[in-house]
Amino acid sequence: MEMLMVVGTSMLSIIALFLISKVLGHKQISQLDLFDYINGIVIGSIAAELATELEEPLRPLTAMFVYGTVTVLLSLITRKFPKTRKYINGSPTIIMNNGKIYRSNMKKAKLDLSEFMVMCRQAGYFNLNDIQTAIFEYNGKLTVLPVSDKRPVNPTDIDLKTKPEYMSTEVIMDGRVLGENLKRRGLDMTWLKKQLEKQGFHNAKEVFLGVCDSSNNLSLFKAN
């Protein structure tokens, strides 16, 4: 008898999850905001509890529908009143624009330099000079607008022979010189100091990010 009850409550939790997921709509994980993601985990946990709750199965079932209803209501509110989106979902944050990286905005988005560089590479941008604007979206993804002359073009379309490009290397991050990365490029502190002086910096502490490309051209970004 107890096994039949487990089967029955399991089927009930599956049906409830199916109905809630249909109401919430089809979204990929990358499209979910933080609240929806956490809510999904909570609803799944309650569904698992419901599958083995033999004495009072209505309690976890009710909790599931409460969480689902709140999520749907918040979604309806953001659609009906767009101004509430920045309070409920959050708002996009400009991380980089016109060659400047905004440190305060990175802190606001709880994003560090390493994560930003990874996101740029994942978007296909290994050289920050190719980026006009980078926006950190509320769903945790980075949207990149390339500079006008760096728009993606297929070289074979214009019969153009291209030279191979290699990944850039960070040599200064948040005012700290990355000695190992300098050595990997065959460079040293003497070279770095000359480059800093040439670009109007007294020392590395004034630099938020320093990136060296395959030709050892150094791009420096001042901390704002």
Protein backbone atom coordinates (compact mmCIF):
# COMPACT_ATOMS: atom_id res chain seq x y z
CA MET A 1 0.00 0.00 0.00
CA GLU A 2 2.82 2.36 0.90
CA MET A 3 4.53 1.70 -2.46
CA LEU A 4 1.32 2.58 -4.30
CA MET A 5 1.20 5.83 -2.35
CA VAL A 6 4.79 6.63 -3.39
CA VAL A 7 3.92 5.93 -7.03
CA GLY A 8 0.80 8.10 -6.72
CA THR A 9 2.58 11.07 -5.10
CA SER A 10 5.46 10.77 -7.62
CA MET A 11 3.03 10.95 -10.50
CA LEU A 12 1.35 13.93 -8.81
CA SER A 13 4.69 15.77 -8.51
CA ILE A 14 5.52 15.04 -12.18
CA ILE A 15 2.14 16.39 -13.32
CA ALA A 16 2.53 19.48 -11.11
CA LEU A 17 6.05 20.16 -12.46
CA PHE A 18 4.81 19.70 -16.03
CA LEU A 19 1.93 22.16 -15.54
CA ILE A 20 4.15 24.76 -13.81
CA SER A 21 6.83 24.51 -16.52
CA LYS A 22 4.15 24.99 -19.21
CA VAL A 23 2.82 28.09 -17.47
CA LEU A 24 6.30 29.56 -16.92
CA GLY A 25 7.22 29.03 -20.58
CA HIS A 26 10.26 27.59 -22.34
CA LYS A 27 13.50 29.34 -21.46
CA GLN A 28 17.08 28.20 -21.77
CA ILE A 29 19.23 28.27 -18.64
CA SER A 30 21.22 31.22 -20.06
CA GLN A 31 17.98 33.20 -20.46
CA LEU A 32 16.90 32.83 -16.83
CA ASP A 33 17.57 35.63 -14.39
CA LEU A 34 18.86 34.82 -10.90
CA PHE A 35 15.40 34.84 -9.27
CA ASP A 36 13.91 32.46 -11.86
CA TYR A 37 16.90 30.16 -11.58
CA ILE A 38 16.68 29.92 -7.78
CA ASN A 39 12.92 29.56 -7.96
CA GLY A 40 13.30 26.64 -10.35
CA ILE A 41 15.68 24.90 -7.94
CA VAL A 42 13.25 25.44 -5.03
CA ILE A 43 10.26 24.14 -7.02
CA GLY A 44 12.28 21.07 -8.05
CA SER A 45 13.25 20.42 -4.43
CA ILE A 46 9.64 20.67 -3.30
CA ALA A 47 8.60 18.32 -6.12
CA ALA A 48 11.13 15.75 -4.87
CA GLU A 49 9.74 16.12 -1.35
CA LEU A 50 6.19 15.69 -2.67
CA ALA A 51 7.14 12.38 -4.32
CA THR A 52 7.86 10.83 -0.91
CA GLU A 53 5.36 12.74 1.25
CA LEU A 54 2.74 10.15 2.17
CA GLU A 55 0.99 11.78 5.12
CA GLU A 56 0.23 15.31 3.86
CA PRO A 57 1.03 15.54 0.12
CA LEU A 58 -1.11 18.67 -0.26
CA ARG A 59 1.37 20.79 1.74
CA PRO A 60 4.32 20.52 -0.69
CA LEU A 61 1.90 20.59 -3.64
CA THR A 62 0.46 23.89 -2.41
CA ALA A 63 3.97 25.28 -1.88
CA MET A 64 4.91 24.36 -5.47
CA PHE A 65 1.97 26.24 -6.91
CA VAL A 66 2.61 29.24 -4.64
CA TYR A 67 6.20 29.54 -5.95
CA GLY A 68 4.99 29.03 -9.51
CA THR A 69 2.24 31.63 -9.13
CA VAL A 70 4.61 34.23 -7.69
CA THR A 71 7.02 33.70 -10.60
CA VAL A 72 4.21 34.09 -13.15
CA LEU A 73 2.89 37.23 -11.41
CA LEU A 74 6.34 38.84 -11.41
CA SER A 75 6.71 38.01 -15.10
CA LEU A 76 3.32 39.61 -15.85
CA ILE A 77 4.23 42.70 -13.81
CA THR A 78 7.48 43.24 -15.73
CA ARG A 79 5.63 42.90 -19.04
CA LYS A 80 2.79 45.23 -18.02
CA PHE A 81 5.02 47.77 -16.30
CA PRO A 82 8.45 47.85 -18.04
CA LYS A 83 9.88 50.32 -15.51
CA THR A 84 9.72 47.63 -12.81
CA ARG A 85 12.16 45.39 -14.72
CA LYS A 86 15.26 47.06 -13.34
CA TYR A 87 14.04 46.41 -9.79
CA ILE A 88 12.93 42.81 -10.37
CA ASN A 89 15.26 41.53 -13.11
CA GLY A 90 18.07 44.05 -12.84
CA SER A 91 19.40 46.30 -15.59
CA PRO A 92 22.23 46.08 -18.16
CA THR A 93 25.57 47.57 -17.11
CA ILE A 94 28.11 49.15 -19.47
CA ILE A 95 31.48 47.58 -18.66
CA MET A 96 33.54 49.07 -21.49
CA ASN A 97 32.96 51.91 -23.94
CA ASN A 98 35.25 53.85 -26.30
CA GLY A 99 38.38 52.14 -24.98
CA LYS A 100 37.54 52.74 -21.31
CA ILE A 101 36.82 50.01 -18.77
CA TYR A 102 34.53 51.18 -15.99
CA ARG A 103 35.79 49.80 -12.72
CA SER A 104 32.80 51.04 -10.69
CA ASN A 105 30.37 49.33 -13.07
CA MET A 106 32.34 46.09 -12.80
CA LYS A 107 32.00 46.23 -9.03
CA LYS A 108 28.29 46.95 -9.40
CA ALA A 109 27.90 43.91 -11.65
CA LYS A 110 30.10 41.83 -9.29
CA LEU A 111 32.37 41.05 -12.23
CA ASP A 112 36.16 40.88 -12.03
CA LEU A 113 38.72 41.38 -14.78
CA SER A 114 39.40 37.68 -15.30
CA GLU A 115 35.71 36.91 -15.80
CA PHE A 116 35.38 39.86 -18.18
CA MET A 117 38.32 38.67 -20.28
CA VAL A 118 36.87 35.14 -20.43
CA MET A 119 33.50 36.51 -21.60
CA CYS A 120 35.19 38.61 -24.29
CA ARG A 121 37.07 35.57 -25.57
CA GLN A 122 33.89 33.48 -25.52
CA ALA A 123 32.25 36.19 -27.64
CA GLY A 124 35.13 35.89 -30.12
CA TYR A 125 37.08 39.02 -29.13
CA PHE A 126 40.68 38.29 -28.13
CA ASN A 127 41.77 41.90 -28.56
CA LEU A 128 39.98 44.54 -26.48
CA ASN A 129 40.82 47.18 -29.07
CA ASP A 130 38.27 45.48 -31.35
CA ILE A 131 35.47 46.28 -28.89
CA GLN A 132 33.50 49.52 -29.07
CA THR A 133 31.04 48.74 -26.27
CA ALA A 134 30.64 45.78 -23.90
CA ILE A 135 27.43 45.47 -21.89
CA PHE A 136 26.86 43.02 -19.03
CA GLU A 137 23.21 41.95 -19.35
CA TYR A 138 20.95 41.19 -16.40
CA ASN A 139 20.95 37.47 -17.29
CA GLY A 140 24.72 37.28 -16.83
CA LYS A 141 25.75 37.36 -20.50
CA LEU A 142 28.08 39.84 -22.15
CA THR A 143 26.90 41.68 -25.27
CA VAL A 144 29.68 43.10 -27.44
CA LEU A 145 29.50 45.81 -30.10
CA PRO A 146 32.66 45.72 -32.26
CA VAL A 147 34.33 48.84 -33.61
CA SER A 148 33.05 49.75 -37.08
CA ASP A 149 36.08 48.45 -38.99
CA LYS A 150 36.18 45.17 -37.05
CA ARG A 151 32.81 43.80 -38.06
CA PRO A 152 32.93 40.08 -38.87
CA VAL A 153 33.81 39.54 -42.55
CA ASN A 154 34.64 36.32 -44.36
CA PRO A 155 38.06 36.94 -45.99
CA THR A 156 37.34 34.37 -48.70
CA ASP A 157 34.44 36.51 -49.91
CA ILE A 158 36.89 39.19 -51.03
CA ASP A 159 39.77 36.84 -51.84
CA LEU A 160 41.84 38.22 -48.99
CA LYS A 161 44.84 36.43 -47.51
CA THR A 162 45.10 36.95 -43.76
CA LYS A 163 47.92 36.54 -41.30
CA PRO A 164 47.36 34.20 -38.34
CA GLU A 165 46.40 35.93 -35.08
CA TYR A 166 47.31 34.80 -31.62
CA MET A 167 45.72 35.35 -28.24
CA SER A 168 46.59 38.51 -26.31
CA THR A 169 48.20 38.26 -22.88
CA GLU A 170 47.32 40.26 -19.77
CA VAL A 171 50.51 41.75 -18.27
CA ILE A 172 48.89 44.18 -15.80
CA MET A 173 45.67 43.53 -13.90
CA ASP A 174 44.24 45.95 -11.36
CA GLY A 175 47.59 47.71 -10.93
CA ARG A 176 49.58 44.48 -10.47
CA VAL A 177 52.27 43.38 -12.92
CA LEU A 178 51.91 39.73 -13.98
CA GLY A 179 55.57 38.74 -14.12
CA GLU A 180 54.99 35.22 -15.42
CA ASN A 181 52.99 36.51 -18.38
CA LEU A 182 55.75 39.02 -19.18
CA LYS A 183 58.36 36.25 -19.20
CA ARG A 184 56.12 34.11 -21.41
CA ARG A 185 56.22 36.89 -24.00
CA GLY A 186 59.99 37.19 -23.67
CA LEU A 187 59.65 40.62 -22.05
CA ASP A 188 60.87 42.16 -18.81
CA MET A 189 60.22 45.03 -16.41
CA THR A 190 62.58 47.37 -18.27
CA TRP A 191 60.50 47.01 -21.44
CA LEU A 192 57.29 47.47 -19.47
CA LYS A 193 58.51 50.67 -17.75
CA LYS A 194 59.44 52.18 -21.13
CA GLN A 195 56.00 51.32 -22.50
CA LEU A 196 54.30 52.86 -19.47
CA GLU A 197 56.30 56.09 -19.81
CA LYS A 198 55.64 56.21 -23.56
CA GLN A 199 51.88 56.10 -22.91
CA GLY A 200 51.95 58.66 -20.09
CA PHE A 201 51.88 56.43 -17.01
CA HIS A 202 54.27 56.78 -14.09
CA ASN A 203 53.87 53.22 -12.84
CA ALA A 204 51.73 50.10 -13.18
CA LYS A 205 49.50 51.09 -10.25
CA GLU A 206 47.86 53.70 -12.46
CA VAL A 207 46.81 50.99 -14.92
CA PHE A 208 43.62 48.97 -14.48
CA LEU A 209 44.39 46.55 -17.30
CA GLY A 210 47.38 46.09 -19.60
CA VAL A 211 47.14 43.69 -22.55
CA CYS A 212 49.97 42.67 -24.89
CA ASP A 213 49.14 41.33 -28.37
CA SER A 214 51.08 38.85 -30.52
CA SER A 215 53.27 41.65 -31.91
CA ASN A 216 54.09 42.88 -28.38
CA ASN A 217 51.98 46.01 -28.78
CA LEU A 218 50.83 47.05 -25.33
CA SER A 219 47.30 48.41 -24.78
CA LEU A 220 46.78 50.14 -21.43
CA PHE A 221 43.44 50.93 -19.83
CA LYS A 222 43.36 53.53 -17.07
CA ALA A 223 41.38 52.88 -13.90
CA ASN A 224 38.32 55.18 -13.74
